[in-house]
Amino acid sequence: MEDIPAEDIPTTLALASNVLAPAYLVLQSKGYRVSRKQADGLELWIAEGNGLRFVADSTIELLGVMAVYEARGDSWRASDEEIEAFMRRFPL
């Protein structure tokens, strides 16, 4: 494999434990109250604020769910056509 000069490598972030705290900090900076609920071996993270409530398994997933709402608003759900296009592009 050829060595790639460092200046040619784009900044890369990946889902790992080192992004959980920054995701929490972003949620806080956007004005959300973030809490964690644990019961029966399950853990849920909850962000509440601005009349909204988001729930996910981790802070980074919580930030992603919030980003979907920020980008699409109350029409966050995908239409049948959008789902079909997605499934054609990324078959299961």
PDB file of N, CA and C in Angstrom:
ATOM      1  N   MET A   1       0.846  -1.181   0.000  1.00  0.00           N
ATOM      2  CA  MET A   1       0.000   0.000   0.000  1.00  0.00           C
ATOM      3  C   MET A   1       0.887   1.239   0.000  1.00  0.00           C
ATOM      4  N   GLU A   2       0.516   2.191  -0.809  1.00  0.00           N
ATOM      5  CA  GLU A   2       1.295   3.415  -0.959  1.00  0.00           C
ATOM      6  C   GLU A   2       1.061   4.355   0.229  1.00  0.00           C
ATOM      7  N   ASP A   3       2.150   4.962   0.710  1.00  0.00           N
ATOM      8  CA  ASP A   3       2.008   5.950   1.780  1.00  0.00           C
ATOM      9  C   ASP A   3       1.363   7.217   1.229  1.00  0.00           C
ATOM     10  N   ILE A   4       0.401   7.731   1.955  1.00  0.00           N
ATOM     11  CA  ILE A   4      -0.290   8.950   1.549  1.00  0.00           C
ATOM     12  C   ILE A   4       0.259  10.089   2.403  1.00  0.00           C
ATOM     13  N   PRO A   5       0.693  11.176   1.778  1.00  0.00           N
ATOM     14  CA  PRO A   5       1.182  12.315   2.559  1.00  0.00           C
ATOM     15  C   PRO A   5       0.104  12.810   3.518  1.00  0.00           C
ATOM     16  N   ALA A   6       0.503  13.164   4.720  1.00  0.00           N
ATOM     17  CA  ALA A   6      -0.437  13.579   5.763  1.00  0.00           C
ATOM     18  C   ALA A   6      -1.333  14.718   5.305  1.00  0.00           C
ATOM     19  N   GLU A   7      -0.801  15.639   4.515  1.00  0.00           N
ATOM     20  CA  GLU A   7      -1.608  16.786   4.087  1.00  0.00           C
ATOM     21  C   GLU A   7      -2.709  16.389   3.099  1.00  0.00           C
ATOM     22  N   ASP A   8      -2.637  15.180   2.524  1.00  0.00           N
ATOM     23  CA  ASP A   8      -3.661  14.706   1.593  1.00  0.00           C
ATOM     24  C   ASP A   8      -4.756  13.884   2.270  1.00  0.00           C
ATOM     25  N   ILE A   9      -4.613  13.636   3.564  1.00  0.00           N
ATOM     26  CA  ILE A   9      -5.608  12.852   4.292  1.00  0.00           C
ATOM     27  C   ILE A   9      -6.642  13.811   4.878  1.00  0.00           C
ATOM     28  N   PRO A  10      -7.920  13.633   4.525  1.00  0.00           N
ATOM     29  CA  PRO A  10      -8.942  14.531   5.067  1.00  0.00           C
ATOM     30  C   PRO A  10      -9.149  14.284   6.562  1.00  0.00           C
ATOM     31  N   THR A  11      -9.629  15.298   7.247  1.00  0.00           N
ATOM     32  CA  THR A  11      -9.999  15.117   8.646  1.00  0.00           C
ATOM     33  C   THR A  11     -11.079  14.048   8.706  1.00  0.00           C
ATOM     34  N   THR A  12     -10.900  13.083   9.591  1.00  0.00           N
ATOM     35  CA  THR A  12     -11.839  11.968   9.684  1.00  0.00           C
ATOM     36  C   THR A  12     -12.282  11.788  11.126  1.00  0.00           C
ATOM     37  N   LEU A  13     -13.583  11.718  11.334  1.00  0.00           N
ATOM     38  CA  LEU A  13     -14.146  11.360  12.633  1.00  0.00           C
ATOM     39  C   LEU A  13     -14.919  10.076  12.441  1.00  0.00           C
ATOM     40  N   ALA A  14     -14.830   9.188  13.396  1.00  0.00           N
ATOM     41  CA  ALA A  14     -15.561   7.925  13.331  1.00  0.00           C
ATOM     42  C   ALA A  14     -16.266   7.697  14.659  1.00  0.00           C
ATOM     43  N   LEU A  15     -17.328   6.918  14.602  1.00  0.00           N
ATOM     44  CA  LEU A  15     -18.047   6.592  15.825  1.00  0.00           C
ATOM     45  C   LEU A  15     -17.128   5.791  16.742  1.00  0.00           C
ATOM     46  N   ALA A  16     -16.797   6.377  17.868  1.00  0.00           N
ATOM     47  CA  ALA A  16     -15.957   5.749  18.882  1.00  0.00           C
ATOM     48  C   ALA A  16     -16.225   6.472  20.193  1.00  0.00           C
ATOM     49  N   SER A  17     -15.714   5.935  21.258  1.00  0.00           N
ATOM     50  CA  SER A  17     -15.993   6.528  22.571  1.00  0.00           C
ATOM     51  C   SER A  17     -15.470   7.957  22.695  1.00  0.00           C
ATOM     52  N   ASN A  18     -14.488   8.331  21.878  1.00  0.00           N
ATOM     53  CA  ASN A  18     -13.935   9.684  22.004  1.00  0.00           C
ATOM     54  C   ASN A  18     -14.829  10.766  21.389  1.00  0.00           C
ATOM     55  N   VAL A  19     -15.947  10.397  20.757  1.00  0.00           N
ATOM     56  CA  VAL A  19     -16.876  11.404  20.246  1.00  0.00           C
ATOM     57  C   VAL A  19     -18.130  11.537  21.119  1.00  0.00           C
ATOM     58  N   LEU A  20     -18.265  10.703  22.130  1.00  0.00           N
ATOM     59  CA  LEU A  20     -19.470  10.742  22.970  1.00  0.00           C
ATOM     60  C   LEU A  20     -19.550  12.027  23.790  1.00  0.00           C
ATOM     61  N   ALA A  21     -18.455  12.411  24.434  1.00  0.00           N
ATOM     62  CA  ALA A  21     -18.458  13.651  25.226  1.00  0.00           C
ATOM     63  C   ALA A  21     -18.620  14.879  24.330  1.00  0.00           C
ATOM     64  N   PRO A  22     -17.901  14.980  23.188  1.00  0.00           N
ATOM     65  CA  PRO A  22     -18.140  16.132  22.314  1.00  0.00           C
ATOM     66  C   PRO A  22     -19.585  16.217  21.819  1.00  0.00           C
ATOM     67  N   ALA A  23     -20.215  15.080  21.537  1.00  0.00           N
ATOM     68  CA  ALA A  23     -21.617  15.094  21.107  1.00  0.00           C
ATOM     69  C   ALA A  23     -22.501  15.651  22.217  1.00  0.00           C
ATOM     70  N   TYR A  24     -22.246  15.240  23.449  1.00  0.00           N
ATOM     71  CA  TYR A  24     -22.980  15.757  24.606  1.00  0.00           C
ATOM     72  C   TYR A  24     -22.803  17.275  24.708  1.00  0.00           C
ATOM     73  N   LEU A  25     -21.571  17.741  24.526  1.00  0.00           N
ATOM     74  CA  LEU A  25     -21.295  19.176  24.621  1.00  0.00           C
ATOM     75  C   LEU A  25     -22.007  19.966  23.525  1.00  0.00           C
ATOM     76  N   VAL A  26     -22.097  19.400  22.327  1.00  0.00           N
ATOM     77  CA  VAL A  26     -22.826  20.058  21.237  1.00  0.00           C
ATOM     78  C   VAL A  26     -24.306  20.168  21.594  1.00  0.00           C
ATOM     79  N   LEU A  27     -24.874  19.074  22.098  1.00  0.00           N
ATOM     80  CA  LEU A  27     -26.288  19.095  22.491  1.00  0.00           C
ATOM     81  C   LEU A  27     -26.533  20.168  23.552  1.00  0.00           C
ATOM     82  N   GLN A  28     -25.650  20.241  24.542  1.00  0.00           N
ATOM     83  CA  GLN A  28     -25.788  21.266  25.576  1.00  0.00           C
ATOM     84  C   GLN A  28     -25.684  22.665  24.986  1.00  0.00           C
ATOM     85  N   SER A  29     -24.731  22.855  24.074  1.00  0.00           N
ATOM     86  CA  SER A  29     -24.530  24.184  23.489  1.00  0.00           C
ATOM     87  C   SER A  29     -25.733  24.629  22.667  1.00  0.00           C
ATOM     88  N   LYS A  30     -26.534  23.668  22.200  1.00  0.00           N
ATOM     89  CA  LYS A  30     -27.744  23.983  21.448  1.00  0.00           C
ATOM     90  C   LYS A  30     -28.939  24.207  22.370  1.00  0.00           C
ATOM     91  N   GLY A  31     -28.699  24.160  23.679  1.00  0.00           N
ATOM     92  CA  GLY A  31     -29.747  24.475  24.639  1.00  0.00           C
ATOM     93  C   GLY A  31     -30.563  23.291  25.134  1.00  0.00           C
ATOM     94  N   TYR A  32     -30.124  22.073  24.848  1.00  0.00           N
ATOM     95  CA  TYR A  32     -30.869  20.898  25.296  1.00  0.00           C
ATOM     96  C   TYR A  32     -30.395  20.428  26.666  1.00  0.00           C
ATOM     97  N   ARG A  33     -31.335  19.970  27.479  1.00  0.00           N
ATOM     98  CA  ARG A  33     -31.022  19.291  28.734  1.00  0.00           C
ATOM     99  C   ARG A  33     -30.826  17.822  28.381  1.00  0.00           C
ATOM    100  N   VAL A  34     -29.699  17.283  28.733  1.00  0.00           N
ATOM    101  CA  VAL A  34     -29.385  15.899  28.377  1.00  0.00           C
ATOM    102  C   VAL A  34     -29.399  15.051  29.641  1.00  0.00           C
ATOM    103  N   SER A  35     -30.082  13.911  29.562  1.00  0.00           N
ATOM    104  CA  SER A  35     -30.124  12.994  30.699  1.00  0.00           C
ATOM    105  C   SER A  35     -29.952  11.567  30.198  1.00  0.00           C
ATOM    106  N   ARG A  36     -29.637  10.693  31.132  1.00  0.00           N
ATOM    107  CA  ARG A  36     -29.471   9.271  30.811  1.00  0.00           C
ATOM    108  C   ARG A  36     -30.372   8.473  31.732  1.00  0.00           C
ATOM    109  N   LYS A  37     -31.126   7.559  31.164  1.00  0.00           N
ATOM    110  CA  LYS A  37     -32.005   6.676  31.934  1.00  0.00           C
ATOM    111  C   LYS A  37     -31.514   5.248  31.756  1.00  0.00           C
ATOM    112  N   GLN A  38     -31.452   4.517  32.866  1.00  0.00           N
ATOM    113  CA  GLN A  38     -31.052   3.113  32.818  1.00  0.00           C
ATOM    114  C   GLN A  38     -32.100   2.278  33.531  1.00  0.00           C
ATOM    115  N   ALA A  39     -32.507   1.191  32.873  1.00  0.00           N
ATOM    116  CA  ALA A  39     -33.472   0.266  33.479  1.00  0.00           C
ATOM    117  C   ALA A  39     -33.385  -1.073  32.767  1.00  0.00           C
ATOM    118  N   ASP A  40     -33.422  -2.119  33.538  1.00  0.00           N
ATOM    119  CA  ASP A  40     -33.426  -3.482  32.987  1.00  0.00           C
ATOM    120  C   ASP A  40     -32.288  -3.725  31.998  1.00  0.00           C
ATOM    121  N   GLY A  41     -31.115  -3.185  32.296  1.00  0.00           N
ATOM    122  CA  GLY A  41     -29.952  -3.395  31.444  1.00  0.00           C
ATOM    123  C   GLY A  41     -29.933  -2.546  30.182  1.00  0.00           C
ATOM    124  N   LEU A  42     -30.914  -1.680  30.021  1.00  0.00           N
ATOM    125  CA  LEU A  42     -30.963  -0.792  28.862  1.00  0.00           C
ATOM    126  C   LEU A  42     -30.574   0.616  29.268  1.00  0.00           C
ATOM    127  N   GLU A  43     -29.964   1.331  28.335  1.00  0.00           N
ATOM    128  CA  GLU A  43     -29.565   2.716  28.585  1.00  0.00           C
ATOM    129  C   GLU A  43     -30.124   3.587  27.473  1.00  0.00           C
ATOM    130  N   LEU A  44     -30.810   4.655  27.847  1.00  0.00           N
ATOM    131  CA  LEU A  44     -31.330   5.613  26.885  1.00  0.00           C
ATOM    132  C   LEU A  44     -30.830   7.002  27.233  1.00  0.00           C
ATOM    133  N   TRP A  45     -30.453   7.740  26.209  1.00  0.00           N
ATOM    134  CA  TRP A  45     -30.064   9.135  26.361  1.00  0.00           C
ATOM    135  C   TRP A  45     -31.197   9.989  25.829  1.00  0.00           C
ATOM    136  N   ILE A  46     -31.500  11.070  26.549  1.00  0.00           N
ATOM    137  CA  ILE A  46     -32.637  11.919  26.213  1.00  0.00           C
ATOM    138  C   ILE A  46     -32.177  13.367  26.184  1.00  0.00           C
ATOM    139  N   ALA A  47     -32.534  14.072  25.120  1.00  0.00           N
ATOM    140  CA  ALA A  47     -32.270  15.513  25.018  1.00  0.00           C
ATOM    141  C   ALA A  47     -33.618  16.206  24.929  1.00  0.00           C
ATOM    142  N   GLU A  48     -33.834  17.181  25.807  1.00  0.00           N
ATOM    143  CA  GLU A  48     -35.099  17.905  25.838  1.00  0.00           C
ATOM    144  C   GLU A  48     -34.834  19.400  25.827  1.00  0.00           C
ATOM    145  N   GLY A  49     -35.660  20.104  25.073  1.00  0.00           N
ATOM    146  CA  GLY A  49     -35.570  21.555  25.032  1.00  0.00           C
ATOM    147  C   GLY A  49     -36.313  22.088  23.828  1.00  0.00           C
ATOM    148  N   ASN A  50     -36.667  23.366  23.878  1.00  0.00           N
ATOM    149  CA  ASN A  50     -37.358  24.018  22.763  1.00  0.00           C
ATOM    150  C   ASN A  50     -38.630  23.277  22.361  1.00  0.00           C
ATOM    151  N   GLY A  51     -39.289  22.645  23.319  1.00  0.00           N
ATOM    152  CA  GLY A  51     -40.517  21.912  23.030  1.00  0.00           C
ATOM    153  C   GLY A  51     -40.288  20.606  22.291  1.00  0.00           C
ATOM    154  N   LEU A  52     -39.050  20.118  22.295  1.00  0.00           N
ATOM    155  CA  LEU A  52     -38.697  18.888  21.580  1.00  0.00           C
ATOM    156  C   LEU A  52     -38.082  17.881  22.541  1.00  0.00           C
ATOM    157  N   ARG A  53     -38.200  16.600  22.178  1.00  0.00           N
ATOM    158  CA  ARG A  53     -37.585  15.521  22.955  1.00  0.00           C
ATOM    159  C   ARG A  53     -37.016  14.506  21.982  1.00  0.00           C
ATOM    160  N   PHE A  54     -35.734  14.205  22.134  1.00  0.00           N
ATOM    161  CA  PHE A  54     -35.055  13.223  21.285  1.00  0.00           C
ATOM    162  C   PHE A  54     -34.543  12.095  22.178  1.00  0.00           C
ATOM    163  N   VAL A  55     -34.619  10.866  21.690  1.00  0.00           N
ATOM    164  CA  VAL A  55     -34.217   9.698  22.472  1.00  0.00           C
ATOM    165  C   VAL A  55     -33.342   8.807  21.590  1.00  0.00           C
ATOM    166  N   ALA A  56     -32.235   8.304  22.167  1.00  0.00           N
ATOM    167  CA  ALA A  56     -31.332   7.422  21.417  1.00  0.00           C
ATOM    168  C   ALA A  56     -30.506   6.590  22.392  1.00  0.00           C
ATOM    169  N   ASP A  57     -29.681   5.710  21.825  1.00  0.00           N
ATOM    170  CA  ASP A  57     -28.856   4.808  22.636  1.00  0.00           C
ATOM    171  C   ASP A  57     -27.536   5.420  23.087  1.00  0.00           C
ATOM    172  N   SER A  58     -27.122   6.537  22.487  1.00  0.00           N
ATOM    173  CA  SER A  58     -25.865   7.181  22.866  1.00  0.00           C
ATOM    174  C   SER A  58     -25.955   8.667  22.538  1.00  0.00           C
ATOM    175  N   THR A  59     -25.006   9.425  23.041  1.00  0.00           N
ATOM    176  CA  THR A  59     -25.026  10.863  22.767  1.00  0.00           C
ATOM    177  C   THR A  59     -24.793  11.152  21.286  1.00  0.00           C
ATOM    178  N   ILE A  60     -23.946  10.357  20.625  1.00  0.00           N
ATOM    179  CA  ILE A  60     -23.685  10.617  19.208  1.00  0.00           C
ATOM    180  C   ILE A  60     -24.917  10.278  18.371  1.00  0.00           C
ATOM    181  N   GLU A  61     -25.635   9.208  18.727  1.00  0.00           N
ATOM    182  CA  GLU A  61     -26.884   8.887  18.035  1.00  0.00           C
ATOM    183  C   GLU A  61     -27.940   9.946  18.331  1.00  0.00           C
ATOM    184  N   LEU A  62     -27.951  10.452  19.550  1.00  0.00           N
ATOM    185  CA  LEU A  62     -28.874  11.509  19.930  1.00  0.00           C
ATOM    186  C   LEU A  62     -28.638  12.756  19.083  1.00  0.00           C
ATOM    187  N   LEU A  63     -27.384  13.094  18.888  1.00  0.00           N
ATOM    188  CA  LEU A  63     -27.033  14.240  18.051  1.00  0.00           C
ATOM    189  C   LEU A  63     -27.478  14.003  16.605  1.00  0.00           C
ATOM    190  N   GLY A  64     -27.350  12.773  16.124  1.00  0.00           N
ATOM    191  CA  GLY A  64     -27.791  12.452  14.770  1.00  0.00           C
ATOM    192  C   GLY A  64     -29.295  12.578  14.603  1.00  0.00           C
ATOM    193  N   VAL A  65     -30.037  12.092  15.583  1.00  0.00           N
ATOM    194  CA  VAL A  65     -31.503  12.205  15.534  1.00  0.00           C
ATOM    195  C   VAL A  65     -31.906  13.676  15.541  1.00  0.00           C
ATOM    196  N   MET A  66     -31.239  14.452  16.377  1.00  0.00           N
ATOM    197  CA  MET A  66     -31.525  15.879  16.438  1.00  0.00           C
ATOM    198  C   MET A  66     -31.189  16.557  15.109  1.00  0.00           C
ATOM    199  N   ALA A  67     -30.087  16.150  14.463  1.00  0.00           N
ATOM    200  CA  ALA A  67     -29.696  16.722  13.171  1.00  0.00           C
ATOM    201  C   ALA A  67     -30.741  16.426  12.099  1.00  0.00           C
ATOM    202  N   VAL A  68     -31.336  15.232  12.143  1.00  0.00           N
ATOM    203  CA  VAL A  68     -32.409  14.897  11.195  1.00  0.00           C
ATOM    204  C   VAL A  68     -33.559  15.880  11.376  1.00  0.00           C
ATOM    205  N   TYR A  69     -33.938  16.134  12.618  1.00  0.00           N
ATOM    206  CA  TYR A  69     -35.038  17.071  12.870  1.00  0.00           C
ATOM    207  C   TYR A  69     -34.650  18.486  12.446  1.00  0.00           C
ATOM    208  N   GLU A  70     -33.424  18.895  12.761  1.00  0.00           N
ATOM    209  CA  GLU A  70     -32.987  20.240  12.380  1.00  0.00           C
ATOM    210  C   GLU A  70     -33.018  20.415  10.859  1.00  0.00           C
ATOM    211  N   ALA A  71     -32.642  19.374  10.130  1.00  0.00           N
ATOM    212  CA  ALA A  71     -32.587  19.470   8.674  1.00  0.00           C
ATOM    213  C   ALA A  71     -33.965  19.380   8.021  1.00  0.00           C
ATOM    214  N   ARG A  72     -34.871  18.569   8.605  1.00  0.00           N
ATOM    215  CA  ARG A  72     -36.150  18.296   7.944  1.00  0.00           C
ATOM    216  C   ARG A  72     -37.366  18.847   8.684  1.00  0.00           C
ATOM    217  N   GLY A  73     -37.183  19.278   9.927  1.00  0.00           N
ATOM    218  CA  GLY A  73     -38.288  19.845  10.686  1.00  0.00           C
ATOM    219  C   GLY A  73     -39.389  18.845  10.961  1.00  0.00           C
ATOM    220  N   ASP A  74     -40.615  19.360  11.059  1.00  0.00           N
ATOM    221  CA  ASP A  74     -41.755  18.500  11.363  1.00  0.00           C
ATOM    222  C   ASP A  74     -42.009  17.467  10.265  1.00  0.00           C
ATOM    223  N   SER A  75     -41.427  17.673   9.101  1.00  0.00           N
ATOM    224  CA  SER A  75     -41.556  16.718   7.992  1.00  0.00           C
ATOM    225  C   SER A  75     -40.350  15.789   7.956  1.00  0.00           C
ATOM    226  N   TRP A  76     -39.867  15.384   9.129  1.00  0.00           N
ATOM    227  CA  TRP A  76     -38.645  14.577   9.216  1.00  0.00           C
ATOM    228  C   TRP A  76     -38.810  13.184   8.621  1.00  0.00           C
ATOM    229  N   ARG A  77     -40.027  12.664   8.603  1.00  0.00           N
ATOM    230  CA  ARG A  77     -40.232  11.308   8.073  1.00  0.00           C
ATOM    231  C   ARG A  77     -39.954  11.277   6.571  1.00  0.00           C
ATOM    232  N   ALA A  78     -39.353  10.196   6.106  1.00  0.00           N
ATOM    233  CA  ALA A  78     -39.120  10.020   4.673  1.00  0.00           C
ATOM    234  C   ALA A  78     -40.408   9.587   3.995  1.00  0.00           C
ATOM    235  N   SER A  79     -40.615  10.089   2.791  1.00  0.00           N
ATOM    236  CA  SER A  79     -41.784   9.670   2.003  1.00  0.00           C
ATOM    237  C   SER A  79     -41.532   8.259   1.469  1.00  0.00           C
ATOM    238  N   ASP A  80     -42.583   7.631   0.987  1.00  0.00           N
ATOM    239  CA  ASP A  80     -42.429   6.304   0.386  1.00  0.00           C
ATOM    240  C   ASP A  80     -41.412   6.348  -0.751  1.00  0.00           C
ATOM    241  N   GLU A  81     -41.453   7.401  -1.546  1.00  0.00           N
ATOM    242  CA  GLU A  81     -40.525   7.534  -2.669  1.00  0.00           C
ATOM    243  C   GLU A  81     -39.081   7.662  -2.167  1.00  0.00           C
ATOM    244  N   GLU A  82     -38.873   8.437  -1.110  1.00  0.00           N
ATOM    245  CA  GLU A  82     -37.524   8.591  -0.553  1.00  0.00           C
ATOM    246  C   GLU A  82     -37.010   7.272   0.015  1.00  0.00           C
ATOM    247  N   ILE A  83     -37.885   6.530   0.675  1.00  0.00           N
ATOM    248  CA  ILE A  83     -37.499   5.223   1.231  1.00  0.00           C
ATOM    249  C   ILE A  83     -37.148   4.263   0.103  1.00  0.00           C
ATOM    250  N   GLU A  84     -37.971   4.246  -0.940  1.00  0.00           N
ATOM    251  CA  GLU A  84     -37.697   3.363  -2.076  1.00  0.00           C
ATOM    252  C   GLU A  84     -36.374   3.719  -2.745  1.00  0.00           C
ATOM    253  N   ALA A  85     -36.087   4.992  -2.905  1.00  0.00           N
ATOM    254  CA  ALA A  85     -34.822   5.423  -3.509  1.00  0.00           C
ATOM    255  C   ALA A  85     -33.647   5.003  -2.636  1.00  0.00           C
ATOM    256  N   PHE A  86     -33.808   5.152  -1.334  1.00  0.00           N
ATOM    257  CA  PHE A  86     -32.775   4.730  -0.389  1.00  0.00           C
ATOM    258  C   PHE A  86     -32.512   3.235  -0.504  1.00  0.00           C
ATOM    259  N   MET A  87     -33.598   2.451  -0.533  1.00  0.00           N
ATOM    260  CA  MET A  87     -33.467   0.992  -0.590  1.00  0.00           C
ATOM    261  C   MET A  87     -32.851   0.532  -1.914  1.00  0.00           C
ATOM    262  N   ARG A  88     -33.141   1.241  -3.004  1.00  0.00           N
ATOM    263  CA  ARG A  88     -32.502   0.901  -4.281  1.00  0.00           C
ATOM    264  C   ARG A  88     -30.998   1.171  -4.226  1.00  0.00           C
ATOM    265  N   ARG A  89     -30.632   2.266  -3.593  1.00  0.00           N
ATOM    266  CA  ARG A  89     -29.212   2.636  -3.514  1.00  0.00           C
ATOM    267  C   ARG A  89     -28.455   1.761  -2.520  1.00  0.00           C
ATOM    268  N   PHE A  90     -29.110   1.388  -1.418  1.00  0.00           N
ATOM    269  CA  PHE A  90     -28.463   0.615  -0.361  1.00  0.00           C
ATOM    270  C   PHE A  90     -29.318  -0.604  -0.002  1.00  0.00           C
ATOM    271  N   PRO A  91     -29.383  -1.590  -0.894  1.00  0.00           N
ATOM    272  CA  PRO A  91     -30.231  -2.760  -0.596  1.00  0.00           C
ATOM    273  C   PRO A  91     -29.748  -3.495   0.652  1.00  0.00           C
ATOM    274  N   LEU A  92     -30.699  -4.035   1.389  1.00  0.00           N
ATOM    275  CA  LEU A  92     -30.366  -4.784   2.590  1.00  0.00           C
ATOM    276  C   LEU A  92     -30.027  -6.217   2.265  1.00  0.00           C
TER     277      LEU A  92
END
